[in-house]
Amino acid sequence: MEHGILLAQEMQLTHVIFESDASNVIDAITESALGSSVGHIIQDIIQAKASFVFCSFRHLIRDFNYAAHELALLARRIGSHQLWIGVTPPFLVPIVQADMLN
């Protein structure tokens, strides 16, 4: 989530919606859970939120955002971050198409 916010800032986006199937992450952000083990990251996210005109954090069940789940699995598997701007990675095309039908 933190990397996504930093990317949105770098891209100078003004209106953003961040979605995750990790309800504990969304809850920690929306409840400002600074006392948790990742409180310092939550604090950074909350501070970064102020740089947007509109910023929302939403929980989605995995069934409604399977493409994001697959990207997270890829990042974990290869151990690095990748960025695709304006294109969909070929392995993800059928998953994105299925997501759009839900």
N, C-alpha and C. Protein backbone atom coordinates (compact mmCIF):
# COMPACT_ATOMS: atom_id res chain seq x y z
N MET A 1 0.83 -1.18 0.00
CA MET A 1 0.00 0.00 0.00
C MET A 1 0.88 1.26 0.00
N GLU A 2 1.91 1.22 0.83
CA GLU A 2 2.78 2.39 0.91
C GLU A 2 3.46 2.67 -0.43
N HIS A 3 3.90 1.64 -1.10
CA HIS A 3 4.54 1.83 -2.41
C HIS A 3 3.55 2.39 -3.43
N GLY A 4 2.32 1.95 -3.37
CA GLY A 4 1.30 2.47 -4.28
C GLY A 4 1.04 3.95 -4.06
N ILE A 5 1.01 4.36 -2.81
CA ILE A 5 0.81 5.77 -2.49
C ILE A 5 1.99 6.61 -2.97
N LEU A 6 3.19 6.10 -2.75
CA LEU A 6 4.37 6.83 -3.22
C LEU A 6 4.37 6.94 -4.74
N LEU A 7 3.96 5.89 -5.43
CA LEU A 7 3.87 5.93 -6.89
C LEU A 7 2.82 6.95 -7.33
N ALA A 8 1.67 6.97 -6.68
CA ALA A 8 0.63 7.94 -7.03
C ALA A 8 1.12 9.37 -6.84
N GLN A 9 1.89 9.60 -5.78
CA GLN A 9 2.47 10.93 -5.57
C GLN A 9 3.47 11.26 -6.67
N GLU A 10 4.32 10.31 -7.01
CA GLU A 10 5.32 10.52 -8.05
C GLU A 10 4.66 10.82 -9.40
N MET A 11 3.52 10.17 -9.65
CA MET A 11 2.78 10.39 -10.89
C MET A 11 1.93 11.66 -10.84
N GLN A 12 1.97 12.35 -9.70
CA GLN A 12 1.24 13.59 -9.47
C GLN A 12 -0.28 13.42 -9.66
N LEU A 13 -0.78 12.28 -9.22
CA LEU A 13 -2.22 12.06 -9.25
C LEU A 13 -2.86 12.87 -8.13
N THR A 14 -4.05 13.35 -8.35
CA THR A 14 -4.71 14.17 -7.34
C THR A 14 -5.90 13.47 -6.68
N HIS A 15 -6.54 12.58 -7.40
CA HIS A 15 -7.70 11.85 -6.90
C HIS A 15 -7.40 10.35 -7.00
N VAL A 16 -7.32 9.69 -5.87
CA VAL A 16 -6.90 8.29 -5.85
C VAL A 16 -7.81 7.44 -4.96
N ILE A 17 -7.95 6.20 -5.35
CA ILE A 17 -8.65 5.20 -4.56
C ILE A 17 -7.71 4.00 -4.45
N PHE A 18 -7.39 3.61 -3.24
CA PHE A 18 -6.54 2.46 -3.00
C PHE A 18 -7.42 1.33 -2.49
N GLU A 19 -7.34 0.18 -3.16
CA GLU A 19 -8.16 -0.96 -2.79
C GLU A 19 -7.27 -2.15 -2.45
N SER A 20 -7.71 -2.93 -1.47
CA SER A 20 -6.94 -4.10 -1.05
C SER A 20 -7.89 -5.16 -0.51
N ASP A 21 -7.50 -6.42 -0.68
CA ASP A 21 -8.27 -7.49 -0.07
C ASP A 21 -7.79 -7.77 1.36
N ALA A 22 -6.78 -7.04 1.79
CA ALA A 22 -6.26 -7.19 3.16
C ALA A 22 -7.01 -6.24 4.09
N SER A 23 -8.08 -6.74 4.68
CA SER A 23 -8.91 -5.88 5.53
C SER A 23 -8.13 -5.32 6.71
N ASN A 24 -7.16 -6.09 7.21
CA ASN A 24 -6.37 -5.59 8.35
C ASN A 24 -5.56 -4.36 7.97
N VAL A 25 -5.09 -4.30 6.74
CA VAL A 25 -4.34 -3.13 6.27
C VAL A 25 -5.27 -1.93 6.14
N ILE A 26 -6.41 -2.12 5.50
CA ILE A 26 -7.38 -1.03 5.32
C ILE A 26 -7.85 -0.54 6.69
N ASP A 27 -8.16 -1.47 7.58
CA ASP A 27 -8.61 -1.08 8.93
C ASP A 27 -7.52 -0.30 9.67
N ALA A 28 -6.28 -0.74 9.57
CA ALA A 28 -5.19 -0.04 10.26
C ALA A 28 -5.05 1.39 9.75
N ILE A 29 -5.23 1.58 8.45
CA ILE A 29 -5.11 2.92 7.87
C ILE A 29 -6.30 3.78 8.28
N THR A 30 -7.51 3.25 8.11
CA THR A 30 -8.70 4.07 8.40
C THR A 30 -8.88 4.34 9.88
N GLU A 31 -8.33 3.46 10.73
CA GLU A 31 -8.43 3.65 12.18
C GLU A 31 -7.17 4.27 12.77
N SER A 32 -6.23 4.66 11.91
CA SER A 32 -4.96 5.26 12.35
C SER A 32 -4.31 4.42 13.45
N ALA A 33 -4.11 3.14 13.18
CA ALA A 33 -3.55 2.21 14.16
C ALA A 33 -2.04 2.39 14.28
N LEU A 34 -1.64 3.47 14.90
CA LEU A 34 -0.22 3.79 15.01
C LEU A 34 0.51 2.96 16.05
N GLY A 35 -0.22 2.33 16.94
CA GLY A 35 0.40 1.53 18.00
C GLY A 35 0.73 0.12 17.57
N SER A 36 0.42 -0.24 16.35
CA SER A 36 0.69 -1.60 15.89
C SER A 36 2.16 -1.75 15.50
N SER A 37 2.54 -2.97 15.15
CA SER A 37 3.94 -3.24 14.77
C SER A 37 4.33 -2.53 13.48
N VAL A 38 3.35 -2.14 12.69
CA VAL A 38 3.62 -1.40 11.45
C VAL A 38 3.12 0.04 11.56
N GLY A 39 3.01 0.52 12.77
CA GLY A 39 2.49 1.86 13.01
C GLY A 39 3.24 2.95 12.29
N HIS A 40 4.56 2.79 12.16
CA HIS A 40 5.36 3.80 11.46
C HIS A 40 4.99 3.85 9.97
N ILE A 41 4.66 2.71 9.39
CA ILE A 41 4.23 2.69 7.98
C ILE A 41 2.85 3.30 7.85
N ILE A 42 1.97 2.96 8.78
CA ILE A 42 0.61 3.54 8.78
C ILE A 42 0.71 5.06 8.91
N GLN A 43 1.57 5.54 9.77
CA GLN A 43 1.75 6.98 9.94
C GLN A 43 2.21 7.63 8.63
N ASP A 44 3.16 7.01 7.95
CA ASP A 44 3.63 7.54 6.66
C ASP A 44 2.51 7.58 5.64
N ILE A 45 1.67 6.54 5.62
CA ILE A 45 0.55 6.49 4.68
C ILE A 45 -0.44 7.61 4.99
N ILE A 46 -0.75 7.80 6.26
CA ILE A 46 -1.69 8.85 6.66
C ILE A 46 -1.15 10.23 6.30
N GLN A 47 0.14 10.44 6.51
CA GLN A 47 0.74 11.73 6.14
C GLN A 47 0.70 11.93 4.63
N ALA A 48 0.99 10.88 3.87
CA ALA A 48 0.98 10.97 2.40
C ALA A 48 -0.42 11.23 1.88
N LYS A 49 -1.42 10.72 2.57
CA LYS A 49 -2.82 10.91 2.16
C LYS A 49 -3.16 12.40 2.02
N ALA A 50 -2.56 13.22 2.84
CA ALA A 50 -2.84 14.66 2.82
C ALA A 50 -2.40 15.34 1.53
N SER A 51 -1.54 14.68 0.76
CA SER A 51 -1.04 15.30 -0.48
C SER A 51 -2.02 15.17 -1.65
N PHE A 52 -3.10 14.44 -1.46
CA PHE A 52 -4.09 14.24 -2.52
C PHE A 52 -5.33 15.09 -2.27
N VAL A 53 -5.96 15.53 -3.35
CA VAL A 53 -7.23 16.25 -3.23
C VAL A 53 -8.30 15.29 -2.70
N PHE A 54 -8.30 14.07 -3.23
CA PHE A 54 -9.22 13.03 -2.78
C PHE A 54 -8.42 11.74 -2.63
N CYS A 55 -8.57 11.08 -1.50
CA CYS A 55 -7.87 9.82 -1.26
C CYS A 55 -8.77 8.92 -0.42
N SER A 56 -9.00 7.72 -0.94
CA SER A 56 -9.88 6.78 -0.25
C SER A 56 -9.21 5.42 -0.18
N PHE A 57 -9.47 4.70 0.91
CA PHE A 57 -8.96 3.34 1.09
C PHE A 57 -10.17 2.43 1.24
N ARG A 58 -10.22 1.39 0.42
CA ARG A 58 -11.38 0.50 0.41
C ARG A 58 -10.95 -0.96 0.47
N HIS A 59 -11.74 -1.72 1.21
CA HIS A 59 -11.53 -3.16 1.25
C HIS A 59 -12.41 -3.81 0.19
N LEU A 60 -11.81 -4.69 -0.59
CA LEU A 60 -12.53 -5.50 -1.56
C LEU A 60 -12.23 -6.97 -1.28
N ILE A 61 -13.22 -7.81 -1.46
CA ILE A 61 -12.90 -9.22 -1.34
C ILE A 61 -12.08 -9.63 -2.57
N ARG A 62 -11.24 -10.61 -2.39
CA ARG A 62 -10.31 -11.02 -3.44
C ARG A 62 -11.01 -11.33 -4.76
N ASP A 63 -12.21 -11.87 -4.68
CA ASP A 63 -12.94 -12.23 -5.91
C ASP A 63 -13.16 -11.02 -6.82
N PHE A 64 -13.18 -9.82 -6.25
CA PHE A 64 -13.43 -8.62 -7.05
C PHE A 64 -12.14 -7.90 -7.47
N ASN A 65 -11.01 -8.42 -7.08
CA ASN A 65 -9.75 -7.81 -7.50
C ASN A 65 -8.66 -8.87 -7.60
N TYR A 66 -8.98 -9.92 -8.34
CA TYR A 66 -8.06 -11.04 -8.47
C TYR A 66 -6.79 -10.64 -9.21
N ALA A 67 -6.88 -9.67 -10.12
CA ALA A 67 -5.70 -9.22 -10.86
C ALA A 67 -4.66 -8.65 -9.89
N ALA A 68 -5.09 -7.84 -8.94
CA ALA A 68 -4.15 -7.28 -7.96
C ALA A 68 -3.52 -8.38 -7.12
N HIS A 69 -4.32 -9.38 -6.78
CA HIS A 69 -3.80 -10.51 -6.02
C HIS A 69 -2.70 -11.25 -6.81
N GLU A 70 -2.94 -11.47 -8.08
CA GLU A 70 -1.95 -12.15 -8.92
C GLU A 70 -0.66 -11.33 -9.04
N LEU A 71 -0.79 -10.02 -9.14
CA LEU A 71 0.39 -9.16 -9.20
C LEU A 71 1.18 -9.23 -7.90
N ALA A 72 0.47 -9.27 -6.77
CA ALA A 72 1.15 -9.38 -5.48
C ALA A 72 1.89 -10.71 -5.37
N LEU A 73 1.26 -11.78 -5.85
CA LEU A 73 1.93 -13.08 -5.84
C LEU A 73 3.18 -13.07 -6.71
N LEU A 74 3.10 -12.41 -7.87
CA LEU A 74 4.25 -12.30 -8.75
C LEU A 74 5.39 -11.57 -8.05
N ALA A 75 5.08 -10.46 -7.42
CA ALA A 75 6.11 -9.67 -6.72
C ALA A 75 6.77 -10.51 -5.62
N ARG A 76 5.97 -11.26 -4.91
CA ARG A 76 6.52 -12.11 -3.84
C ARG A 76 7.41 -13.20 -4.44
N ARG A 77 6.96 -13.79 -5.55
CA ARG A 77 7.69 -14.88 -6.19
C ARG A 77 9.04 -14.44 -6.75
N ILE A 78 9.07 -13.26 -7.41
CA ILE A 78 10.33 -12.82 -8.03
C ILE A 78 11.16 -11.95 -7.10
N GLY A 79 10.56 -11.50 -6.00
CA GLY A 79 11.31 -10.75 -5.00
C GLY A 79 11.67 -9.33 -5.40
N SER A 80 10.91 -8.76 -6.33
CA SER A 80 11.17 -7.36 -6.72
C SER A 80 9.87 -6.73 -7.21
N HIS A 81 9.94 -5.44 -7.41
CA HIS A 81 8.78 -4.69 -7.89
C HIS A 81 8.91 -4.50 -9.39
N GLN A 82 7.78 -4.48 -10.07
CA GLN A 82 7.74 -4.17 -11.49
C GLN A 82 6.63 -3.16 -11.70
N LEU A 83 6.75 -2.38 -12.75
CA LEU A 83 5.77 -1.34 -13.02
C LEU A 83 5.39 -1.38 -14.49
N TRP A 84 4.10 -1.43 -14.74
CA TRP A 84 3.58 -1.37 -16.10
C TRP A 84 2.66 -0.15 -16.17
N ILE A 85 3.00 0.81 -16.98
CA ILE A 85 2.16 2.00 -17.13
C ILE A 85 1.58 1.99 -18.53
N GLY A 86 0.26 1.96 -18.61
CA GLY A 86 -0.41 2.00 -19.90
C GLY A 86 -0.50 0.68 -20.63
N VAL A 87 0.01 -0.39 -20.03
CA VAL A 87 -0.07 -1.72 -20.63
C VAL A 87 -0.44 -2.74 -19.56
N THR A 88 -1.03 -3.81 -20.00
CA THR A 88 -1.35 -4.91 -19.10
C THR A 88 -0.37 -6.04 -19.40
N PRO A 89 0.30 -6.58 -18.39
CA PRO A 89 1.21 -7.71 -18.64
C PRO A 89 0.43 -8.85 -19.30
N PRO A 90 1.01 -9.47 -20.31
CA PRO A 90 0.28 -10.51 -21.06
C PRO A 90 -0.35 -11.60 -20.19
N PHE A 91 0.35 -12.05 -19.14
CA PHE A 91 -0.21 -13.11 -18.30
C PHE A 91 -1.46 -12.66 -17.55
N LEU A 92 -1.64 -11.35 -17.45
CA LEU A 92 -2.75 -10.80 -16.66
C LEU A 92 -3.98 -10.48 -17.50
N VAL A 93 -3.86 -10.45 -18.81
CA VAL A 93 -4.98 -10.06 -19.68
C VAL A 93 -6.25 -10.86 -19.40
N PRO A 94 -6.20 -12.20 -19.39
CA PRO A 94 -7.45 -12.93 -19.14
C PRO A 94 -8.03 -12.67 -17.75
N ILE A 95 -7.17 -12.44 -16.78
CA ILE A 95 -7.63 -12.18 -15.41
C ILE A 95 -8.31 -10.80 -15.35
N VAL A 96 -7.74 -9.80 -16.00
CA VAL A 96 -8.34 -8.47 -16.02
C VAL A 96 -9.69 -8.52 -16.75
N GLN A 97 -9.74 -9.25 -17.83
CA GLN A 97 -11.00 -9.37 -18.57
C GLN A 97 -12.06 -10.02 -17.70
N ALA A 98 -11.69 -11.05 -16.96
CA ALA A 98 -12.64 -11.70 -16.05
C ALA A 98 -13.06 -10.77 -14.93
N ASP A 99 -12.12 -9.98 -14.39
CA ASP A 99 -12.44 -9.00 -13.34
C ASP A 99 -13.47 -7.99 -13.84
N MET A 100 -13.34 -7.59 -15.09
CA MET A 100 -14.26 -6.58 -15.65
C MET A 100 -15.68 -7.13 -15.78
N LEU A 101 -15.83 -8.43 -15.85
CA LEU A 101 -17.15 -9.04 -15.95
C LEU A 101 -17.84 -9.17 -14.60
N ASN A 102 -17.07 -9.11 -13.53
CA ASN A 102 -17.65 -9.25 -12.17
C ASN A 102 -18.32 -8.00 -11.72
